[in-house]
């Protein structure tokens, strides 16, 4: 133990010649202030690496966050899976144009032909037309949603959802697709995914302490507990979905990844990084473009190659740029607060900005379309941009891809609208999973009348309200107005119709704030899609 500590002390000055932003430590101190967990950051440039950290494991575990503290990486795992694709192609084991079914199904399988359109490339660029999660995916184990979903279940999901997938029509971010990609690559090598990833990506990078958290993996002593809404969150484990989010790692480990990412031709996996970071198509859902797994911002002066991740109680960000000689950063935290803004700020890069799809005569499509008595699509518009919201589902932007035809951002589905003899929109057709479902149009009820509340009343609503353990509504005030941001969604304004009563203009939803006997706001109720969902206010 004494010898190992001496080595660490001697090595430290050798990697401390990097030139990170002068305000790096102050930024992360602000980020963790008042939070139960902490954050770890590594900055790597051509001169070396610098580590920064703040906070602790948890309120009841005062151990400080260090470069060797382990975190769940979530979807940052996907860029490692993409590197496995690039390296496997370089070694001649696969082609990115191969159908995934070539490796996942027997050669004589009758289900293979309609699935051949789903290539490894389409999976790596989220353009396979597959849903984020398959239609048969069960969330019964929501505290550990991916545990126990094996390869057989994954392939059965492909058989069900693959034939009707609109491959190549639009980008739709898919954990399902990333899992299929990793399993296909593993089959090509005749190994398990963890073994294939370790042998061809992690070990060449020197990342021997990074683990694939399969079902049954015991938390390592250095794994900081996750936090969501100020409370401890359980750890996630994976089986067939390991390629989309199973890695656990540290900033000391990710320093090796970042060094290779910005290194020259002699860096480990240089060819794989070059292939994976070459733009393949526009990333309309997010903004910028996408390579093999990696996202790329549109900024002629300082483009950033990046990816983020999150599980129940963790958030992560990795990003790098070749501008100015090359710089890179990784940010890990054991709390459910996005670190993207911090990561881009440290890199002095502009976050991706999605250009809204402004539609001519957008108001002409607005309405309520009932596919069944219990399932309705509500179409709304805001500043010329159309949005779709299905019963009990989040609101999604529509992007026009043809005359009266739209792709649903974030979902592998499309909508086409039908007009009557007078040219007025009369119905829509939902195209999804190989099915076409038609619904007639009903007008939306008129919006409530907007009123102005005193500024001191508006500030009483600010806070975080938990609909469930993984879905929180963050209510904020600015210039005496109120905005709401749901987990994983953009911020949207709400408008008062009375004291404690608010409504959205961009979606058919209302909020009612509840008070205790002392008049303090204690909860809210979201009225949407025929449901009334209560969310207690978090401390």
Protein backbone atom coordinates (compact mmCIF):
# COMPACT_ATOMS: atom_id res chain seq x y z
CA UNK A 1 0.00 0.00 0.00
CA UNK A 2 2.80 2.41 0.89
CA UNK A 3 4.60 1.64 -2.39
CA UNK A 4 1.44 2.25 -4.48
CA UNK A 5 0.83 5.58 -2.76
CA UNK A 6 4.38 6.67 -3.47
CA UNK A 7 3.94 5.87 -7.15
CA UNK A 8 0.79 7.97 -7.30
CA UNK A 9 2.51 10.94 -5.66
CA UNK A 10 5.50 10.71 -7.97
CA UNK A 11 3.29 10.44 -11.06
CA UNK A 12 1.15 13.45 -10.24
CA UNK A 13 3.60 16.23 -11.26
CA UNK A 14 4.16 14.49 -14.59
CA UNK A 15 0.54 15.02 -15.67
CA UNK A 16 -0.09 18.46 -14.19
CA UNK A 17 1.25 20.62 -16.99
CA UNK A 18 -2.12 20.90 -18.73
CA UNK A 19 -3.72 24.31 -19.19
CA UNK A 20 -7.36 23.98 -18.04
CA UNK A 21 -9.70 26.97 -17.73
CA UNK A 22 -8.69 29.13 -14.79
CA UNK A 23 -12.22 29.02 -13.38
CA UNK A 24 -12.64 25.23 -13.59
CA UNK A 25 -12.63 24.65 -9.82
CA UNK A 26 -14.95 27.56 -9.06
CA UNK A 27 -17.42 26.32 -11.67
CA UNK A 28 -17.68 22.86 -10.14
CA UNK A 29 -17.83 24.30 -6.61
CA UNK A 30 -20.92 26.25 -7.68
CA UNK A 31 -22.39 23.15 -9.33
CA UNK A 32 -22.31 21.01 -6.16
CA UNK A 33 -23.20 23.72 -3.65
CA UNK A 34 -26.04 22.50 -1.46
CA UNK A 35 -26.20 19.09 -3.16
CA UNK A 36 -25.81 15.74 -1.37
CA UNK A 37 -23.30 14.33 -3.85
CA UNK A 38 -20.33 15.60 -5.79
CA UNK A 39 -18.68 16.01 -9.17
CA UNK A 40 -15.40 14.94 -10.75
CA UNK A 41 -13.80 16.58 -13.79
CA UNK A 42 -10.74 15.81 -15.86
CA UNK A 43 -9.27 18.22 -18.40
CA UNK A 44 -6.87 16.80 -21.00
CA UNK A 45 -4.95 18.76 -23.61
CA UNK A 46 -1.70 18.33 -25.51
CA UNK A 47 0.30 19.17 -22.38
CA UNK A 48 -1.27 16.64 -20.02
CA UNK A 49 -4.20 16.16 -17.65
CA UNK A 50 -5.61 18.05 -14.68
CA UNK A 51 -8.18 16.71 -12.24
CA UNK A 52 -10.79 18.70 -10.31
CA UNK A 53 -13.42 17.51 -7.90
CA UNK A 54 -15.84 18.79 -5.28
CA UNK A 55 -18.38 17.33 -2.90
CA UNK A 56 -18.68 13.96 -1.22
CA UNK A 57 -20.19 10.54 -1.69
CA UNK A 58 -23.43 11.41 0.14
CA UNK A 59 -24.82 13.10 3.23
CA UNK A 60 -24.13 9.99 5.29
CA UNK A 61 -20.81 9.14 3.64
CA UNK A 62 -18.32 12.00 3.96
CA UNK A 63 -15.67 10.46 1.72
CA UNK A 64 -14.54 13.14 -0.74
CA UNK A 65 -14.91 12.71 -4.49
CA UNK A 66 -11.51 11.92 -6.07
CA UNK A 67 -10.19 11.07 -9.56
CA UNK A 68 -10.64 7.42 -8.58
CA UNK A 69 -14.30 7.72 -7.53
CA UNK A 70 -16.46 5.57 -9.77
CA UNK A 71 -19.70 6.73 -11.43
CA UNK A 72 -22.29 5.22 -13.78
CA UNK A 73 -21.67 6.60 -17.30
CA UNK A 74 -25.10 5.83 -18.76
CA UNK A 75 -25.30 6.63 -22.47
CA UNK A 76 -21.65 7.68 -22.71
CA UNK A 77 -21.27 3.90 -23.06
CA UNK A 78 -22.64 4.28 -26.60
CA UNK A 79 -19.47 5.97 -27.88
CA UNK A 80 -17.42 3.01 -26.65
CA UNK A 81 -19.81 0.68 -28.50
CA UNK A 82 -19.34 2.86 -31.58
CA UNK A 83 -15.56 2.60 -31.24
CA UNK A 84 -15.98 -1.17 -31.16
CA UNK A 85 -17.83 -0.91 -34.47
CA UNK A 86 -15.11 1.26 -36.01
CA UNK A 87 -12.31 -1.00 -34.77
CA UNK A 88 -14.15 -4.15 -35.85
CA UNK A 89 -14.54 -2.68 -39.32
CA UNK A 90 -10.86 -1.68 -39.44
CA UNK A 91 -9.90 -5.25 -38.58
CA UNK A 92 -12.16 -6.60 -41.34
CA UNK A 93 -14.54 -8.39 -39.00
CA UNK A 94 -17.64 -6.43 -40.06
CA UNK A 95 -18.77 -3.75 -42.48
CA UNK A 96 -20.90 -0.88 -41.26
CA UNK A 97 -23.26 -1.68 -44.14
CA UNK A 98 -23.88 -5.21 -42.87
CA UNK A 99 -27.43 -5.97 -41.72
CA UNK A 100 -27.55 -6.47 -37.97
CA UNK A 101 -29.67 -9.58 -38.63
CA UNK A 102 -26.64 -11.16 -40.31
CA UNK A 103 -25.15 -11.62 -36.85
CA UNK A 104 -28.24 -11.75 -34.65
CA UNK A 105 -30.35 -14.30 -36.56
CA UNK A 106 -29.57 -17.70 -38.07
CA UNK A 107 -28.85 -17.57 -41.82
CA UNK A 108 -31.94 -19.61 -42.62
CA UNK A 109 -34.25 -17.52 -40.41
CA UNK A 110 -37.32 -16.44 -42.40
CA UNK A 111 -37.52 -13.22 -40.37
CA UNK A 112 -34.16 -11.98 -41.68
CA UNK A 113 -35.10 -10.54 -45.12
CA UNK A 114 -37.42 -7.75 -43.88
CA UNK A 115 -34.81 -6.87 -41.26
CA UNK A 116 -31.87 -6.56 -43.65
CA UNK A 117 -32.57 -2.84 -44.08
CA UNK A 118 -31.39 -2.27 -40.49
CA UNK A 119 -27.62 -1.96 -40.87
CA UNK A 120 -24.90 -1.50 -38.29
CA UNK A 121 -24.48 2.04 -39.63
CA UNK A 122 -28.15 2.89 -39.15
CA UNK A 123 -27.96 1.61 -35.57
CA UNK A 124 -24.81 3.63 -34.83
CA UNK A 125 -26.42 6.83 -36.19
CA UNK A 126 -29.85 6.29 -34.57
CA UNK A 127 -31.46 6.25 -38.01
CA UNK A 128 -32.75 2.67 -38.03
CA UNK A 129 -36.30 3.86 -37.33
CA UNK A 130 -36.45 1.89 -34.07
CA UNK A 131 -38.16 3.23 -30.95
CA UNK A 132 -36.14 4.42 -27.98
CA UNK A 133 -37.27 1.23 -26.27
CA UNK A 134 -39.15 -1.63 -27.95
CA UNK A 135 -42.91 -1.84 -27.84
CA UNK A 136 -42.76 -4.91 -25.60
CA UNK A 137 -40.29 -3.40 -23.12
CA UNK A 138 -41.56 -3.66 -19.56
CA UNK A 139 -40.87 -0.89 -17.05
CA UNK A 140 -42.14 -2.98 -14.15
CA UNK A 141 -38.62 -2.88 -12.69
CA UNK A 142 -38.39 0.89 -13.09
CA UNK A 143 -35.80 1.20 -10.32
CA UNK A 144 -33.52 -1.11 -12.35
CA UNK A 145 -35.20 -1.15 -15.78
CA UNK A 146 -32.62 -3.01 -17.88
CA UNK A 147 -31.69 -5.80 -15.49
CA UNK A 148 -32.56 -9.28 -16.68
CA UNK A 149 -33.44 -8.37 -20.30
CA UNK A 150 -31.44 -11.03 -22.12
CA UNK A 151 -30.33 -11.53 -25.71
CA UNK A 152 -33.32 -13.71 -26.60
CA UNK A 153 -35.75 -10.99 -25.45
CA UNK A 154 -33.79 -8.34 -27.36
CA UNK A 155 -33.94 -10.31 -30.60
CA UNK A 156 -37.63 -11.02 -30.11
CA UNK A 157 -38.14 -7.26 -29.84
CA UNK A 158 -36.26 -6.84 -33.13
CA UNK A 159 -38.56 -9.37 -34.80
CA UNK A 160 -41.58 -7.44 -33.56
CA UNK A 161 -40.53 -3.81 -34.19
CA UNK A 162 -37.93 -4.14 -36.94
CA UNK A 163 -39.98 -5.00 -40.06
CA UNK A 164 -42.01 -1.76 -39.92
CA UNK A 165 -39.13 0.53 -38.96
CA UNK A 166 -38.78 3.60 -41.28
CA UNK A 167 -35.03 3.21 -41.77
CA UNK A 168 -33.16 6.36 -42.77
CA UNK A 169 -36.13 8.76 -42.69
CA UNK A 170 -35.11 10.64 -39.53
CA UNK A 171 -32.87 10.42 -36.50
CA UNK A 172 -34.61 8.88 -33.50
CA UNK A 173 -32.36 8.28 -30.48
CA UNK A 174 -32.67 4.63 -29.51
CA UNK A 175 -31.30 2.62 -26.59
CA UNK A 176 -32.87 -0.39 -28.31
CA UNK A 177 -30.77 0.23 -31.42
CA UNK A 178 -27.54 0.68 -29.45
CA UNK A 179 -28.16 -2.62 -27.67
CA UNK A 180 -28.69 -4.40 -31.00
CA UNK A 181 -25.48 -2.87 -32.37
CA UNK A 182 -23.39 -4.08 -29.44
CA UNK A 183 -24.88 -7.56 -29.47
CA UNK A 184 -24.34 -7.86 -33.25
CA UNK A 185 -20.69 -6.88 -32.88
CA UNK A 186 -20.25 -9.35 -30.03
CA UNK A 187 -21.73 -12.12 -32.20
CA UNK A 188 -19.38 -11.18 -35.03
CA UNK A 189 -16.46 -11.81 -32.70
CA UNK A 190 -18.01 -14.91 -31.16
CA UNK A 191 -17.78 -13.35 -27.70
CA UNK A 192 -19.95 -11.67 -25.11
CA UNK A 193 -20.26 -7.91 -25.47
CA UNK A 194 -18.23 -7.18 -22.30
CA UNK A 195 -15.39 -9.42 -23.52
CA UNK A 196 -15.40 -7.93 -27.03
CA UNK A 197 -15.41 -4.39 -25.65
CA UNK A 198 -12.65 -5.07 -23.12
CA UNK A 199 -10.39 -6.79 -25.65
CA UNK A 200 -10.70 -4.30 -28.52
CA UNK A 201 -11.48 -0.95 -26.88
CA UNK A 202 -10.92 -0.75 -23.13
CA UNK A 203 -7.59 -2.60 -22.92
CA UNK A 204 -6.01 -0.81 -25.90
CA UNK A 205 -6.92 2.46 -24.16
CA UNK A 206 -5.50 1.22 -20.86
CA UNK A 207 -8.90 1.45 -19.17
CA UNK A 208 -8.60 -1.72 -17.11
CA UNK A 209 -10.56 -0.33 -14.15
CA UNK A 210 -13.64 0.52 -16.23
CA UNK A 211 -16.32 -2.14 -15.79
CA UNK A 212 -19.45 -3.33 -17.58
CA UNK A 213 -22.12 -3.51 -14.89
CA UNK A 214 -24.01 -6.71 -15.69
CA UNK A 215 -26.94 -7.95 -13.62
CA UNK A 216 -25.64 -9.07 -10.25
CA UNK A 217 -22.56 -6.80 -10.30
CA UNK A 218 -21.79 -5.73 -6.75
CA UNK A 219 -21.11 -2.01 -6.31
CA UNK A 220 -17.39 -1.38 -5.93
CA UNK A 221 -16.28 0.41 -2.74
CA UNK A 222 -15.27 3.41 -4.85
CA UNK A 223 -18.70 3.68 -6.56
CA UNK A 224 -20.34 6.87 -5.30
CA UNK A 225 -24.07 6.36 -4.63
CA UNK A 226 -26.41 8.10 -7.06
CA UNK A 227 -28.91 10.76 -6.00
CA UNK A 228 -32.18 11.85 -7.53
CA UNK A 229 -34.26 14.63 -6.03
CA UNK A 230 -31.90 14.80 -3.07
CA UNK A 231 -32.43 11.13 -2.20
CA UNK A 232 -30.30 8.08 -2.89
CA UNK A 233 -31.06 6.23 -6.12
CA UNK A 234 -30.44 2.58 -6.84
CA UNK A 235 -27.77 1.41 -9.27
CA UNK A 236 -28.65 0.17 -12.74
CA UNK A 237 -27.49 -3.19 -14.10
CA UNK A 238 -27.64 -4.54 -17.64
CA UNK A 239 -27.64 -7.71 -19.72
CA UNK A 240 -28.45 -7.44 -23.44
CA UNK A 241 -28.80 -3.66 -23.06
CA UNK A 242 -25.24 -3.30 -21.75
CA UNK A 243 -24.02 -1.65 -25.02
CA UNK A 244 -26.32 1.34 -24.43
CA UNK A 245 -25.43 2.26 -20.87
CA UNK A 246 -23.63 -0.24 -18.64
CA UNK A 247 -20.17 1.30 -18.12
CA UNK A 248 -18.95 2.49 -14.74
CA UNK A 249 -15.74 4.47 -14.69
CA UNK A 250 -13.66 7.27 -13.15
CA UNK A 251 -12.14 10.51 -14.37
CA UNK A 252 -8.68 8.94 -14.08
CA UNK A 253 -9.80 6.25 -16.51
CA UNK A 254 -11.54 8.69 -18.84
CA UNK A 255 -8.35 10.77 -19.01
CA UNK A 256 -6.90 7.89 -21.07
CA UNK A 257 -9.92 7.90 -23.37
CA UNK A 258 -9.66 11.67 -23.88
CA UNK A 259 -5.91 11.54 -24.47
CA UNK A 260 -6.47 9.04 -27.27
CA UNK A 261 -9.38 11.08 -28.68
CA UNK A 262 -7.23 14.18 -29.25
CA UNK A 263 -3.95 12.35 -29.81
CA UNK A 264 -2.09 11.98 -33.06
CA UNK A 265 -1.72 9.01 -35.37
CA UNK A 266 0.30 7.12 -32.76
CA UNK A 267 -2.48 7.27 -30.16
CA UNK A 268 -4.37 4.05 -29.32
CA UNK A 269 -7.38 3.42 -31.57
CA UNK A 270 -6.50 6.48 -33.66
CA UNK A 271 -8.15 5.06 -36.80
CA UNK A 272 -11.26 4.03 -34.86
CA UNK A 273 -11.62 7.51 -33.35
CA UNK A 274 -11.15 9.11 -36.78
CA UNK A 275 -13.84 6.89 -38.31
CA UNK A 276 -16.28 7.31 -35.41
CA UNK A 277 -16.00 11.11 -35.32
CA UNK A 278 -16.54 11.63 -39.06
CA UNK A 279 -20.05 13.11 -39.59
CA UNK A 280 -22.49 10.65 -41.16
CA UNK A 281 -25.78 12.58 -41.17
CA UNK A 282 -27.60 15.51 -39.61
CA UNK A 283 -28.70 15.01 -36.01
CA UNK A 284 -32.01 16.84 -36.37
CA UNK A 285 -33.35 15.58 -33.05
CA UNK A 286 -30.45 17.08 -31.09
CA UNK A 287 -28.76 19.61 -33.34
CA UNK A 288 -25.52 19.36 -35.29
CA UNK A 289 -24.51 16.06 -36.84
CA UNK A 290 -23.73 12.51 -35.76
CA UNK A 291 -20.78 10.27 -36.56
CA UNK A 292 -20.67 6.68 -35.34
CA UNK A 293 -22.21 7.27 -31.93
CA UNK A 294 -20.46 10.61 -31.38
CA UNK A 295 -22.44 13.87 -31.67
CA UNK A 296 -20.82 16.89 -33.33
CA UNK A 297 -21.82 20.53 -32.89
CA UNK A 298 -22.10 22.97 -35.78
CA UNK A 299 -19.54 25.63 -34.93
CA UNK A 300 -16.97 26.60 -37.58
CA UNK A 301 -14.61 28.08 -34.97
CA UNK A 302 -14.77 25.43 -32.25
CA UNK A 303 -16.80 22.31 -33.10
CA UNK A 304 -17.18 19.95 -30.16
CA UNK A 305 -17.45 16.17 -30.45
CA UNK A 306 -19.45 14.95 -27.48
CA UNK A 307 -21.91 12.65 -25.79
CA UNK A 308 -23.75 12.75 -22.51
CA UNK A 309 -25.31 10.11 -20.31
CA UNK A 310 -27.56 9.55 -17.35
CA UNK A 311 -29.01 6.83 -15.16
CA UNK A 312 -31.35 7.13 -12.18
CA UNK A 313 -28.87 9.05 -10.00
CA UNK A 314 -25.93 9.95 -12.24
CA UNK A 315 -25.10 12.29 -15.14
CA UNK A 316 -22.02 12.30 -17.38
CA UNK A 317 -20.47 14.26 -20.23
CA UNK A 318 -17.44 13.69 -22.46
CA UNK A 319 -16.38 16.18 -25.09
CA UNK A 320 -13.34 17.23 -27.09
CA UNK A 321 -12.30 19.60 -29.83
CA UNK A 322 -9.31 19.70 -32.15
CA UNK A 323 -9.42 23.51 -32.30
CA UNK A 324 -6.53 25.41 -30.73
CA UNK A 325 -4.29 22.37 -30.50
CA UNK A 326 -6.91 20.11 -28.98
CA UNK A 327 -8.69 20.05 -25.62
CA UNK A 328 -11.05 17.63 -23.93
CA UNK A 329 -13.06 17.20 -20.77
CA UNK A 330 -15.06 14.60 -18.89
CA UNK A 331 -17.57 15.54 -16.18
CA UNK A 332 -19.14 12.97 -13.85
CA UNK A 333 -21.62 13.52 -11.04
CA UNK A 334 -23.61 11.29 -8.69
CA UNK A 335 -26.76 13.39 -8.85
CA UNK A 336 -29.49 13.74 -11.46
CA UNK A 337 -28.55 17.23 -12.65
CA UNK A 338 -27.29 17.68 -16.20
CA UNK A 339 -23.57 18.45 -16.54
CA UNK A 340 -23.79 19.31 -20.25
CA UNK A 341 -23.74 23.05 -19.69
CA UNK A 342 -20.69 22.71 -17.44
CA UNK A 343 -18.90 20.49 -19.97
CA UNK A 344 -19.47 22.83 -22.91
CA UNK A 345 -18.50 25.86 -20.82
CA UNK A 346 -15.18 24.29 -19.82
CA UNK A 347 -14.46 23.59 -23.49
CA UNK A 348 -15.52 27.13 -24.44
CA UNK A 349 -17.86 25.52 -26.94
CA UNK A 350 -21.41 26.28 -27.97
CA UNK A 351 -23.99 23.63 -26.99
CA UNK A 352 -25.98 22.13 -29.88
CA UNK A 353 -28.90 24.20 -31.04
CA UNK A 354 -31.72 22.46 -32.81
CA UNK A 355 -33.31 24.60 -35.49
CA UNK A 356 -37.09 24.36 -35.11
CA UNK A 357 -39.06 23.22 -38.14
CA UNK A 358 -41.30 26.23 -38.81
CA UNK A 359 -44.41 25.18 -40.73
CA UNK A 360 -46.46 27.35 -43.05
CA UNK A 361 -50.04 27.65 -41.74
CA UNK A 362 -49.14 25.61 -38.66
CA UNK A 363 -52.41 26.55 -36.97
CA UNK A 364 -54.29 24.65 -39.67
CA UNK A 365 -53.08 21.33 -38.24
CA UNK A 366 -53.91 22.07 -34.59
CA UNK A 367 -56.52 19.79 -33.08
CA UNK A 368 -57.30 16.66 -31.14
CA UNK A 369 -57.23 13.34 -33.03
CA UNK A 370 -58.65 10.29 -31.21
CA UNK A 371 -57.13 7.04 -32.45
CA UNK A 372 -59.19 5.14 -29.86
CA UNK A 373 -61.55 6.30 -27.08
CA UNK A 374 -58.58 6.12 -24.67
CA UNK A 375 -55.70 7.24 -26.89
CA UNK A 376 -55.58 10.69 -28.46
CA UNK A 377 -52.94 12.65 -30.36
CA UNK A 378 -53.07 16.35 -29.56
CA UNK A 379 -51.43 18.67 -32.10
CA UNK A 380 -50.47 22.16 -30.93
CA UNK A 381 -48.33 24.94 -32.36
CA UNK A 382 -46.08 27.61 -30.91
CA UNK A 383 -44.42 30.30 -33.06
CA UNK A 384 -45.05 28.25 -36.19
CA UNK A 385 -43.62 25.01 -34.77
CA UNK A 386 -45.91 21.98 -34.45
CA UNK A 387 -45.91 19.59 -31.50
CA UNK A 388 -47.55 16.22 -30.97
CA UNK A 389 -48.54 14.74 -27.64
CA UNK A 390 -50.11 11.35 -27.16
CA UNK A 391 -52.18 10.43 -24.12
CA UNK A 392 -49.92 10.14 -21.03
CA UNK A 393 -46.77 10.68 -23.13
CA UNK A 394 -44.32 13.61 -23.45
CA UNK A 395 -44.74 16.37 -26.01
CA UNK A 396 -42.61 15.91 -29.17
CA UNK A 397 -41.77 18.30 -31.99
CA UNK A 398 -42.91 17.58 -35.55
CA UNK A 399 -40.45 18.09 -38.43
CA UNK A 400 -41.88 18.47 -41.91
CA UNK A 401 -40.56 15.93 -44.43
CA UNK A 402 -43.12 16.40 -47.21
CA UNK A 403 -46.46 17.91 -48.14
CA UNK A 404 -48.68 17.37 -45.06
CA UNK A 405 -46.24 14.73 -43.79
CA UNK A 406 -44.12 15.01 -40.62
CA UNK A 407 -41.54 13.00 -38.70
CA UNK A 408 -42.03 12.87 -34.92
CA UNK A 409 -38.74 13.99 -33.34
CA UNK A 410 -37.47 11.43 -30.87
CA UNK A 411 -39.80 8.67 -32.06
CA UNK A 412 -39.61 6.29 -35.04
CA UNK A 413 -43.00 7.36 -36.34
CA UNK A 414 -44.53 9.74 -38.85
CA UNK A 415 -47.80 11.61 -39.27
CA UNK A 416 -49.57 12.44 -42.49
CA UNK A 417 -52.57 14.76 -42.61
CA UNK A 418 -55.61 14.47 -44.88
CA UNK A 419 -57.66 17.42 -46.14
CA UNK A 420 -61.31 17.73 -47.09
CA UNK A 421 -62.64 19.11 -50.41
CA UNK A 422 -62.24 22.66 -49.08
CA UNK A 423 -58.55 22.10 -48.26
CA UNK A 424 -59.03 22.03 -44.49
CA UNK A 425 -57.19 19.40 -42.43
CA UNK A 426 -59.77 16.78 -41.52
CA UNK A 427 -57.79 13.76 -40.28
CA UNK A 428 -54.35 12.36 -39.63
CA UNK A 429 -52.70 8.98 -40.08
CA UNK A 430 -50.10 7.70 -37.62
CA UNK A 431 -47.47 5.57 -39.38
CA UNK A 432 -45.66 3.44 -36.81
CA UNK A 433 -44.34 -0.13 -36.53
CA UNK A 434 -45.65 -0.95 -40.00
CA UNK A 435 -49.20 0.10 -39.09
CA UNK A 436 -51.31 3.00 -40.32
CA UNK A 437 -53.88 4.32 -37.83
CA UNK A 438 -56.33 7.01 -38.90
CA UNK A 439 -58.05 9.56 -36.65
CA UNK A 440 -60.54 12.35 -37.40
CA UNK A 441 -59.86 15.87 -36.24
CA UNK A 442 -61.66 17.61 -33.37
CA UNK A 443 -61.06 21.24 -32.53
CA UNK A 444 -59.21 22.02 -29.31
CA UNK A 445 -61.17 23.85 -26.63
CA UNK A 446 -60.34 27.57 -26.31
CA UNK A 447 -57.44 28.49 -24.04
CA UNK A 448 -58.17 29.93 -20.60
CA UNK A 449 -57.99 33.68 -20.20
CA UNK A 450 -54.55 34.81 -19.07
CA UNK A 451 -54.25 36.89 -15.88
CA UNK A 452 -51.31 38.62 -14.21
CA UNK A 453 -50.36 37.53 -10.69
CA UNK A 454 -48.29 39.60 -8.22
CA UNK A 455 -44.57 38.90 -8.49
CA UNK A 456 -44.41 37.72 -4.86
CA UNK A 457 -47.09 35.12 -5.60
CA UNK A 458 -45.27 33.83 -8.70
CA UNK A 459 -42.05 33.25 -6.76
CA UNK A 460 -43.89 30.98 -4.30
CA UNK A 461 -44.24 28.29 -7.00
CA UNK A 462 -40.53 27.88 -7.78
CA UNK A 463 -39.20 24.46 -6.87
CA UNK A 464 -38.89 20.84 -7.96
CA UNK A 465 -41.91 18.53 -8.01
CA UNK A 466 -41.53 14.75 -8.39
CA UNK A 467 -44.18 12.88 -10.40
CA UNK A 468 -42.15 9.73 -9.73
CA UNK A 469 -38.59 8.77 -8.81
CA UNK A 470 -37.31 9.41 -12.35
CA UNK A 471 -39.53 12.27 -13.56
CA UNK A 472 -39.31 15.70 -11.99
CA UNK A 473 -40.91 19.02 -12.97
CA UNK A 474 -38.55 21.94 -12.28
CA UNK A 475 -40.51 25.18 -11.88
CA UNK A 476 -38.50 28.40 -12.23
CA UNK A 477 -39.28 32.12 -12.31
CA UNK A 478 -37.81 34.81 -14.53
CA UNK A 479 -39.06 38.37 -14.98
CA UNK A 480 -42.19 37.56 -12.94
CA UNK A 481 -43.13 34.68 -15.29
CA UNK A 482 -43.15 30.95 -14.71
CA UNK A 483 -41.49 28.14 -16.70
CA UNK A 484 -41.53 24.38 -16.26
CA UNK A 485 -38.90 21.88 -17.35
CA UNK A 486 -39.61 18.16 -17.12
CA UNK A 487 -36.80 15.62 -16.82
CA UNK A 488 -35.17 15.17 -20.22
CA UNK A 489 -37.29 17.87 -21.87
CA UNK A 490 -36.94 21.54 -22.76
CA UNK A 491 -38.13 24.46 -20.65
CA UNK A 492 -41.65 25.71 -21.49
CA UNK A 493 -43.54 28.78 -20.23
CA UNK A 494 -46.85 28.45 -18.38
CA UNK A 495 -49.45 31.18 -17.91
CA UNK A 496 -51.73 31.98 -14.98
CA UNK A 497 -55.49 31.75 -15.35
CA UNK A 498 -56.04 32.30 -11.59
CA UNK A 499 -54.06 32.04 -8.40
CA UNK A 500 -52.51 28.53 -8.26
CA UNK A 501 -53.87 27.72 -11.75
CA UNK A 502 -51.63 27.73 -14.85
CA UNK A 503 -51.88 26.51 -18.44
CA UNK A 504 -49.54 25.77 -21.33
CA UNK A 505 -49.91 27.36 -24.75
CA UNK A 506 -47.70 24.83 -26.53
CA UNK A 507 -49.53 21.74 -25.32
CA UNK A 508 -52.95 20.79 -23.98
CA UNK A 509 -52.04 20.68 -20.29
CA UNK A 510 -52.72 22.60 -17.08
CA UNK A 511 -51.10 22.85 -13.64
CA UNK A 512 -52.78 23.29 -10.27
CA UNK A 513 -50.60 24.17 -7.28
CA UNK A 514 -51.70 22.93 -3.87
CA UNK A 515 -51.06 24.58 -0.50
CA UNK A 516 -51.01 23.43 3.11
CA UNK A 517 -52.98 24.99 5.97
CA UNK A 518 -50.28 27.63 6.39
CA UNK A 519 -50.55 28.66 2.75
CA UNK A 520 -47.23 27.15 1.63
CA UNK A 521 -47.09 25.51 -1.81
CA UNK A 522 -46.59 21.79 -1.18
CA UNK A 523 -47.42 20.05 -4.48
CA UNK A 524 -48.77 20.44 -7.98
CA UNK A 525 -51.22 18.47 -10.10
CA UNK A 526 -50.54 18.01 -13.81
CA UNK A 527 -53.78 17.76 -15.81
CA UNK A 528 -52.96 16.22 -19.18
CA UNK A 529 -54.30 13.60 -21.53
CA UNK A 530 -57.26 12.87 -19.28
CA UNK A 531 -54.96 12.16 -16.34
CA UNK A 532 -54.47 14.11 -13.10
CA UNK A 533 -50.99 13.40 -11.76
CA UNK A 534 -49.94 14.77 -8.37
CA UNK A 535 -46.30 15.72 -7.72
CA UNK A 536 -45.13 16.54 -4.18
CA UNK A 537 -42.67 19.40 -3.84
CA UNK A 538 -39.13 18.26 -3.09
CA UNK A 539 -37.17 19.79 -0.20
